[in-house]
Structures are given as structure tokens and as C-alpha cells.
C-alpha atoms as a PDB file:
ATOM      1  CA  MET A   1       0.071   0.094  -0.089  1.00  0.00           C
ATOM      2  CA  ASN A   2       1.107   3.709  -1.502  1.00  0.00           C
ATOM      3  CA  GLY A   3      -0.989   5.679   0.613  1.00  0.00           C
ATOM      4  CA  PRO A   4      -4.457   6.978   0.508  1.00  0.00           C
ATOM      5  CA  ASN A   5      -5.996   7.594  -2.854  1.00  0.00           C
ATOM      6  CA  PRO A   6      -5.593  11.297  -3.225  1.00  0.00           C
ATOM      7  CA  ALA A   7      -8.906  11.516  -5.654  1.00  0.00           C
ATOM      8  CA  ILE A   8     -10.942  10.205  -2.978  1.00  0.00           C
ATOM      9  CA  LYS A   9     -12.960  13.015  -1.531  1.00  0.00           C
ATOM     10  CA  HIS A  10     -13.608  12.122   1.966  1.00  0.00           C
ATOM     11  CA  PRO A  11     -10.354  10.137   2.999  1.00  0.00           C
ATOM     12  CA  VAL A  12     -11.011   9.689   6.506  1.00  0.00           C
ATOM     13  CA  GLN A  13     -13.148   6.723   7.237  1.00  0.00           C
ATOM     14  CA  MET A  14     -16.091   8.167   9.985  1.00  0.00           C
ATOM     15  CA  HIS A  15     -14.268  11.759   9.518  1.00  0.00           C
ATOM     16  CA  THR A  16     -16.553  13.372   6.704  1.00  0.00           C
ATOM     17  CA  ARG A  17     -15.012  16.022   8.242  1.00  0.00           C
ATOM     18  CA  ILE A  18     -12.473  16.081   6.407  1.00  0.00           C
ATOM     19  CA  GLY A  19     -11.478  16.483   2.812  1.00  0.00           C
ATOM     20  CA  PHE A  20      -8.570  16.347  -0.092  1.00  0.00           C
ATOM     21  CA  LEU A  21     -10.075  19.219  -2.113  1.00  0.00           C
ATOM     22  CA  LYS A  22      -8.475  18.553  -5.271  1.00  0.00           C
ATOM     23  CA  PRO A  23     -11.570  16.229  -6.331  1.00  0.00           C
ATOM     24  CA  LEU A  24     -13.869  18.829  -4.181  1.00  0.00           C
ATOM     25  CA  ILE A  25     -13.160  21.995  -6.434  1.00  0.00           C
ATOM     26  CA  ASP A  26     -13.884  21.946  -9.933  1.00  0.00           C
ATOM     27  CA  ALA A  27     -13.321  25.752 -10.538  1.00  0.00           C
ATOM     28  CA  PRO A  28     -11.091  26.703 -12.904  1.00  0.00           C
ATOM     29  CA  ASN A  29      -9.320  30.071 -10.960  1.00  0.00           C
ATOM     30  CA  ILE A  30      -8.616  27.519  -8.044  1.00  0.00           C
ATOM     31  CA  GLU A  31      -5.562  24.886  -8.502  1.00  0.00           C
ATOM     32  CA  ILE A  32      -4.703  22.629  -5.776  1.00  0.00           C
ATOM     33  CA  GLY A  33      -2.516  19.901  -5.293  1.00  0.00           C
ATOM     34  CA  ASP A  34      -2.695  16.009  -4.232  1.00  0.00           C
ATOM     35  CA  TYR A  35      -3.080  15.082  -0.382  1.00  0.00           C
ATOM     36  CA  THR A  36      -3.612  19.109   0.690  1.00  0.00           C
ATOM     37  CA  TYR A  37      -6.983  18.268   2.897  1.00  0.00           C
ATOM     38  CA  TYR A  38      -9.318  21.250   4.453  1.00  0.00           C
ATOM     39  CA  ASP A  39     -10.837  20.391   7.988  1.00  0.00           C
ATOM     40  CA  ASP A  40     -14.643  21.285   9.181  1.00  0.00           C
ATOM     41  CA  PRO A  41     -17.326  20.011  11.149  1.00  0.00           C
ATOM     42  CA  GLU A  42     -19.779  21.070   8.547  1.00  0.00           C
ATOM     43  CA  GLY A  43     -17.809  19.209   6.123  1.00  0.00           C
ATOM     44  CA  PRO A  44     -15.478  20.417   3.126  1.00  0.00           C
ATOM     45  CA  ASP A  45     -17.241  20.248   0.107  1.00  0.00           C
ATOM     46  CA  ARG A  46     -18.290  23.772   0.159  1.00  0.00           C
ATOM     47  CA  PHE A  47     -14.477  25.002   0.971  1.00  0.00           C
ATOM     48  CA  ALA A  48     -14.771  26.802  -2.582  1.00  0.00           C
ATOM     49  CA  GLU A  49     -17.717  29.279  -1.370  1.00  0.00           C
ATOM     50  CA  LYS A  50     -16.808  29.733   2.591  1.00  0.00           C
ATOM     51  CA  CYS A  51     -13.101  30.045   2.687  1.00  0.00           C
ATOM     52  CA  VAL A  52     -12.160  31.441  -1.125  1.00  0.00           C
ATOM     53  CA  LEU A  53     -13.540  35.158  -0.721  1.00  0.00           C
ATOM     54  CA  HIS A  54     -14.404  37.951  -3.535  1.00  0.00           C
ATOM     55  CA  HIS A  55     -13.140  35.339  -6.095  1.00  0.00           C
ATOM     56  CA  TYR A  56     -14.518  36.398  -9.828  1.00  0.00           C
ATOM     57  CA  PRO A  57     -13.740  34.392 -12.742  1.00  0.00           C
ATOM     58  CA  PHE A  58     -13.513  37.785 -14.747  1.00  0.00           C
ATOM     59  CA  ILE A  59     -10.833  39.248 -12.307  1.00  0.00           C
ATOM     60  CA  GLY A  60      -8.175  36.532 -13.819  1.00  0.00           C
ATOM     61  CA  ASP A  61      -6.686  35.680 -10.666  1.00  0.00           C
ATOM     62  CA  LYS A  62      -6.049  32.606  -9.419  1.00  0.00           C
ATOM     63  CA  LEU A  63      -5.713  30.457  -6.101  1.00  0.00           C
ATOM     64  CA  ILE A  64      -2.804  28.028  -5.826  1.00  0.00           C
ATOM     65  CA  ILE A  65      -2.447  25.925  -3.353  1.00  0.00           C
ATOM     66  CA  GLY A  66       0.864  22.958  -3.259  1.00  0.00           C
ATOM     67  CA  LYS A  67       0.318  19.541  -2.679  1.00  0.00           C
ATOM     68  CA  PHE A  68       0.298  17.864   1.443  1.00  0.00           C
ATOM     69  CA  CYS A  69      -1.286  21.272   3.253  1.00  0.00           C
ATOM     70  CA  ALA A  70      -3.340  20.870   5.889  1.00  0.00           C
ATOM     71  CA  ILE A  71      -5.995  23.928   6.313  1.00  0.00           C
ATOM     72  CA  ALA A  72      -7.701  24.038   9.448  1.00  0.00           C
ATOM     73  CA  GLU A  73     -11.704  25.306   9.832  1.00  0.00           C
ATOM     74  CA  GLY A  74     -12.222  28.955   8.888  1.00  0.00           C
ATOM     75  CA  ALA A  75      -9.114  29.755   7.397  1.00  0.00           C
ATOM     76  CA  ARG A  76     -10.064  32.360   4.277  1.00  0.00           C
ATOM     77  CA  PHE A  77      -8.736  33.383   1.259  1.00  0.00           C
ATOM     78  CA  ILE A  78      -9.274  37.273   0.207  1.00  0.00           C
ATOM     79  CA  MET A  79      -9.000  37.333  -3.760  1.00  0.00           C
ATOM     80  CA  ASN A  80      -8.332  40.444  -5.327  1.00  0.00           C
ATOM     81  CA  GLY A  81     -12.131  40.871  -6.110  1.00  0.00           C
ATOM     82  CA  ALA A  82     -12.373  43.068  -2.398  1.00  0.00           C
ATOM     83  CA  ASN A  83     -10.056  45.450  -3.166  1.00  0.00           C
ATOM     84  CA  HIS A  84     -11.060  49.055  -3.599  1.00  0.00           C
ATOM     85  CA  MET A  85      -9.020  51.138  -5.754  1.00  0.00           C
ATOM     86  CA  LEU A  86      -6.486  53.624  -3.715  1.00  0.00           C
ATOM     87  CA  SER A  87      -5.428  55.793  -6.076  1.00  0.00           C
ATOM     88  CA  GLY A  88      -8.261  58.366  -5.737  1.00  0.00           C
ATOM     89  CA  PHE A  89      -9.583  60.334  -2.463  1.00  0.00           C
ATOM     90  CA  SER A  90     -12.462  57.761  -1.979  1.00  0.00           C
ATOM     91  CA  THR A  91     -12.215  54.064  -1.981  1.00  0.00           C
ATOM     92  CA  TYR A  92     -15.986  53.473  -2.127  1.00  0.00           C
ATOM     93  CA  PRO A  93     -16.742  51.345  -4.983  1.00  0.00           C
ATOM     94  CA  PHE A  94     -19.614  53.836  -6.867  1.00  0.00           C
ATOM     95  CA  ASN A  95     -19.172  51.889 -10.268  1.00  0.00           C
ATOM     96  CA  ILE A  96     -21.223  48.624  -8.493  1.00  0.00           C
ATOM     97  CA  PHE A  97     -23.936  50.268  -7.485  1.00  0.00           C
ATOM     98  CA  GLY A  98     -25.023  52.045 -11.218  1.00  0.00           C
ATOM     99  CA  HIS A  99     -27.759  54.522 -11.841  1.00  0.00           C
ATOM    100  CA  GLY A 100     -25.539  56.874 -13.233  1.00  0.00           C
ATOM    101  CA  TRP A 101     -22.273  56.105 -10.457  1.00  0.00           C
ATOM    102  CA  GLU A 102     -20.979  53.544 -12.790  1.00  0.00           C
ATOM    103  CA  HIS A 103     -20.438  56.241 -15.667  1.00  0.00           C
ATOM    104  CA  GLY A 104     -16.704  57.170 -15.621  1.00  0.00           C
ATOM    105  CA  PHE A 105     -15.742  54.183 -14.084  1.00  0.00           C
ATOM    106  CA  GLU A 106     -12.052  52.754 -15.646  1.00  0.00           C
ATOM    107  CA  THR A 107     -11.858  49.153 -15.970  1.00  0.00           C
ATOM    108  CA  ASN A 108      -7.866  49.460 -16.743  1.00  0.00           C
ATOM    109  CA  ALA A 109      -7.205  51.631 -13.551  1.00  0.00           C
ATOM    110  CA  CYS A 110      -8.502  49.004 -11.253  1.00  0.00           C
ATOM    111  CA  ARG A 111      -6.624  45.905 -12.958  1.00  0.00           C
ATOM    112  CA  GLY A 112      -3.860  48.191 -12.356  1.00  0.00           C
ATOM    113  CA  GLU A 113      -3.970  47.723  -8.587  1.00  0.00           C
ATOM    114  CA  LEU A 114      -4.616  43.971  -8.461  1.00  0.00           C
ATOM    115  CA  ARG A 115      -2.280  41.933  -6.140  1.00  0.00           C
ATOM    116  CA  GLY A 116      -2.175  38.741  -8.559  1.00  0.00           C
ATOM    117  CA  ASP A 117      -2.027  34.938  -7.563  1.00  0.00           C
ATOM    118  CA  THR A 118      -2.396  33.842  -4.068  1.00  0.00           C
ATOM    119  CA  VAL A 119      -0.126  31.122  -3.828  1.00  0.00           C
ATOM    120  CA  ILE A 120       0.241  28.646  -1.334  1.00  0.00           C
ATOM    121  CA  GLY A 121       3.353  26.237  -1.225  1.00  0.00           C
ATOM    122  CA  ASN A 122       3.588  22.722  -0.316  1.00  0.00           C
ATOM    123  CA  ASP A 123       2.873  21.125   3.000  1.00  0.00           C
ATOM    124  CA  VAL A 124       2.133  24.127   4.345  1.00  0.00           C
ATOM    125  CA  TRP A 125      -0.502  24.601   7.602  1.00  0.00           C
ATOM    126  CA  ILE A 126      -2.644  26.882   7.740  1.00  0.00           C
ATOM    127  CA  GLY A 127      -4.022  27.372  11.244  1.00  0.00           C
ATOM    128  CA  MET A 128      -7.943  28.010  11.960  1.00  0.00           C
ATOM    129  CA  GLU A 129      -9.633  31.155  10.988  1.00  0.00           C
ATOM    130  CA  ALA A 130      -6.058  32.190   9.505  1.00  0.00           C
ATOM    131  CA  VAL A 131      -6.582  35.208   7.100  1.00  0.00           C
ATOM    132  CA  ILE A 132      -4.838  35.061   3.725  1.00  0.00           C
ATOM    133  CA  LEU A 133      -4.820  38.723   1.480  1.00  0.00           C
ATOM    134  CA  PRO A 134      -4.361  38.724  -2.203  1.00  0.00           C
ATOM    135  CA  GLY A 135      -1.640  38.139  -4.363  1.00  0.00           C
ATOM    136  CA  VAL A 136       0.215  36.513  -0.995  1.00  0.00           C
ATOM    137  CA  SER A 137       3.259  33.446  -1.262  1.00  0.00           C
ATOM    138  CA  ILE A 138       3.397  31.150   1.423  1.00  0.00           C
ATOM    139  CA  GLY A 139       6.690  29.446   0.981  1.00  0.00           C
ATOM    140  CA  ASN A 140       7.047  25.258   1.272  1.00  0.00           C
ATOM    141  CA  GLY A 141       7.155  23.936   5.028  1.00  0.00           C
ATOM    142  CA  SER A 142       5.872  27.225   6.710  1.00  0.00           C
ATOM    143  CA  ILE A 143       3.261  27.241   9.474  1.00  0.00           C
ATOM    144  CA  VAL A 144       0.279  29.825   9.639  1.00  0.00           C
ATOM    145  CA  ALA A 145      -0.810  30.212  13.294  1.00  0.00           C
ATOM    146  CA  ALA A 146      -4.487  30.300  13.573  1.00  0.00           C
ATOM    147  CA  ARG A 147      -5.890  33.944  13.388  1.00  0.00           C
ATOM    148  CA  ALA A 148      -2.953  35.137  11.747  1.00  0.00           C
ATOM    149  CA  ASN A 149      -3.410  37.836   8.965  1.00  0.00           C
ATOM    150  CA  VAL A 150      -1.303  36.915   6.204  1.00  0.00           C
ATOM    151  CA  SER A 151      -0.934  40.438   4.398  1.00  0.00           C
ATOM    152  CA  ARG A 152       3.089  39.826   3.391  1.00  0.00           C
ATOM    153  CA  ASP A 153       4.485  36.969   1.367  1.00  0.00           C
ATOM    154  CA  VAL A 154       6.220  34.342   3.944  1.00  0.00           C
ATOM    155  CA  PRO A 155       9.684  32.548   3.596  1.00  0.00           C
ATOM    156  CA  PRO A 156       9.668  28.777   3.452  1.00  0.00           C
ATOM    157  CA  TYR A 157       9.463  27.120   6.438  1.00  0.00           C
ATOM    158  CA  ALA A 158       8.475  30.125   8.474  1.00  0.00           C
ATOM    159  CA  VAL A 159       6.416  30.280  11.310  1.00  0.00           C
ATOM    160  CA  VAL A 160       4.003  33.305  11.198  1.00  0.00           C
ATOM    161  CA  ALA A 161       1.312  34.425  13.824  1.00  0.00           C
ATOM    162  CA  GLY A 162      -0.227  37.673  14.781  1.00  0.00           C
ATOM    163  CA  ASN A 163      -1.935  41.089  12.554  1.00  0.00           C
ATOM    164  CA  PRO A 164      -0.525  41.778  10.550  1.00  0.00           C
ATOM    165  CA  ALA A 165       1.648  38.196  10.574  1.00  0.00           C
ATOM    166  CA  LYS A 166       5.219  38.245  11.210  1.00  0.00           C
ATOM    167  CA  VAL A 167       7.947  35.580  11.278  1.00  0.00           C
ATOM    168  CA  VAL A 168       7.957  34.418  14.752  1.00  0.00           C
ATOM    169  CA  LYS A 169      10.356  31.639  13.909  1.00  0.00           C
ATOM    170  CA  MET A 170      12.210  29.711  11.643  1.00  0.00           C
ATOM    171  CA  ARG A 171      11.675  26.092  11.433  1.00  0.00           C
ATOM    172  CA  PHE A 172      15.064  24.928  10.889  1.00  0.00           C
ATOM    173  CA  ASP A 173      18.326  27.056  10.425  1.00  0.00           C
ATOM    174  CA  ALA A 174      18.767  28.415   6.351  1.00  0.00           C
ATOM    175  CA  ALA A 175      21.067  25.839   5.276  1.00  0.00           C
ATOM    176  CA  THR A 176      18.950  23.040   6.351  1.00  0.00           C
ATOM    177  CA  VAL A 177      15.478  25.001   4.404  1.00  0.00           C
ATOM    178  CA  ARG A 178      18.021  25.327   1.282  1.00  0.00           C
ATOM    179  CA  ARG A 179      18.694  21.661   1.259  1.00  0.00           C
ATOM    180  CA  LEU A 180      14.558  20.770   2.560  1.00  0.00           C
ATOM    181  CA  VAL A 181      13.437  22.814  -0.571  1.00  0.00           C
ATOM    182  CA  ALA A 182      16.284  21.186  -2.991  1.00  0.00           C
ATOM    183  CA  ILE A 183      14.854  17.864  -1.783  1.00  0.00           C
ATOM    184  CA  ALA A 184      11.066  18.638  -2.316  1.00  0.00           C
ATOM    185  CA  TRP A 185      10.080  15.407  -1.239  1.00  0.00           C
ATOM    186  CA  TRP A 186       5.913  16.460  -1.971  1.00  0.00           C
ATOM    187  CA  ASP A 187       7.288  15.849  -6.207  1.00  0.00           C
ATOM    188  CA  TRP A 188       8.120  12.222  -5.325  1.00  0.00           C
ATOM    189  CA  PRO A 189       6.443   9.236  -6.197  1.00  0.00           C
ATOM    190  CA  ALA A 190       3.908   7.709  -3.639  1.00  0.00           C
ATOM    191  CA  ASP A 191       5.473   4.372  -3.002  1.00  0.00           C
ATOM    192  CA  LYS A 192       9.188   6.287  -2.472  1.00  0.00           C
ATOM    193  CA  ILE A 193       7.027   8.842   0.079  1.00  0.00           C
ATOM    194  CA  THR A 194       6.155   5.749   2.001  1.00  0.00           C
ATOM    195  CA  ARG A 195       9.187   4.144   1.917  1.00  0.00           C
ATOM    196  CA  ASN A 196      10.496   7.039   3.390  1.00  0.00           C
ATOM    197  CA  LEU A 197       8.202   7.893   5.822  1.00  0.00           C
ATOM    198  CA  ASP A 198      10.679   7.850   8.907  1.00  0.00           C
ATOM    199  CA  ALA A 199      12.905  10.066   7.051  1.00  0.00           C
ATOM    200  CA  ILE A 200      10.042  12.534   6.002  1.00  0.00           C
ATOM    201  CA  ARG A 201       8.312  12.328   9.762  1.00  0.00           C
ATOM    202  CA  GLY A 202      12.303  13.081  11.670  1.00  0.00           C
ATOM    203  CA  SER A 203      14.815  15.360  11.730  1.00  0.00           C
ATOM    204  CA  ASP A 204      17.877  13.796   9.817  1.00  0.00           C
ATOM    205  CA  ILE A 205      18.564  15.587   6.708  1.00  0.00           C
ATOM    206  CA  ALA A 206      20.920  13.326   5.804  1.00  0.00           C
ATOM    207  CA  ARG A 207      18.946  10.482   6.171  1.00  0.00           C
ATOM    208  CA  LEU A 208      16.442  12.165   3.548  1.00  0.00           C
ATOM    209  CA  GLU A 209      19.033  13.550   1.008  1.00  0.00           C
ATOM    210  CA  THR A 210      19.763   9.785   0.829  1.00  0.00           C
ATOM    211  CA  ALA A 211      16.362   8.447   0.385  1.00  0.00           C
ATOM    212  CA  ARG A 212      15.754   5.913  -2.212  1.00  0.00           C
END
């Protein structure tokens, strides 16, 4: 056996609150890697509706989440559709209410203030009710604390907490982080991951580097 089938929506028997997101999400503007799961007592099936907010296809931004991520209940990904224009004196979205207020609104000016895709790396743990703001990149192996408000990029293997979220510590020293990123165990085939679970779960980087 080489682990669960990543195409199964509910991989943990008797716990349907846990779901692999890749087979649950069919939105073209959301990409999710194998084995990434969401845990919610109301079930993971409405992840896109509950957790990915203001995500409008016409804007063109994507939410990209890597493999082997763990996303806790109530995490929120705020997408570019939530942004208000900052280039003028008022941030009020007059244009969306119509009745003459839409005149003079320049779509291109709005697009110029978009922050791009939101990208979550592999093996990232996102805590309960954390908020990820538009255009943020979170590096591989990072941990986002519960109720953190992430407005800036997070380096690989960092632990961030607070509002605004700040790096409170690095999980490993810089040399080890570079080696872990180079190993990229999350891209290994399932049988190799299965053979080397002890090394992946362990703390001996040399053993992980020599995995077969």
C-alpha cells in the first residue's frame, strides 16, 4: 500500500469533516495539489464558497495551493475582488451600484491595482481562522498560526503569527531550509514517499537526502 488515493473526496473513514480538496474543487481559477485537505465540522465540500472570498473569474487571479497542505476550519483566502481602488481620494466602489455612478469608471485603472495570484507552497499548515490576503505567497513547509492575518509573503519553513502576521521563528536553520527545498519530497512518487516516511517525519536531513 502506498497511502490513500488522492482522488478520494473523504479519505478518513468516519470523519467526513476531512476532505482532499483536489477532487472537491472544479473551479478553473483554483488549483490544488494532491493530498491537500480541509477540515471543517460542516464538511469540506463548500471550501470554495466558504473559504475563498471575492474570487471573480473576470478578474483573472488564481488561488494556487500545493501538495500535502493542511488547512484548518475557518481559514479564509481573500482574493483581489475584495480590493477597493486606492488611487483616488475615496475608496468607495461607486461604480458597482450603477444608476449613473458607473460612468467614468475605468476598468484598466482597477486592474492596475490588482496584486496577482495567491500562491501557497507545499506542506504548509494553515491554522484555524487564518486570513490570507490577495497576492500573498507562502513558502513550502511554513506554518500560519491560528487567526494570523497574512498580508506579506512568507519564506519557506517560517512560522508566522499575529495581525499583521510576522515571522516568529524559522523551523530550521537557513542551510537546512535550502536542502529541504531542494529535496522537494512532496514531488516524489507515492511509493517513494511511503518507503521514506520515517525520514520525512524525522529530523535527520542527511537521511532524507539519501532516500531511495
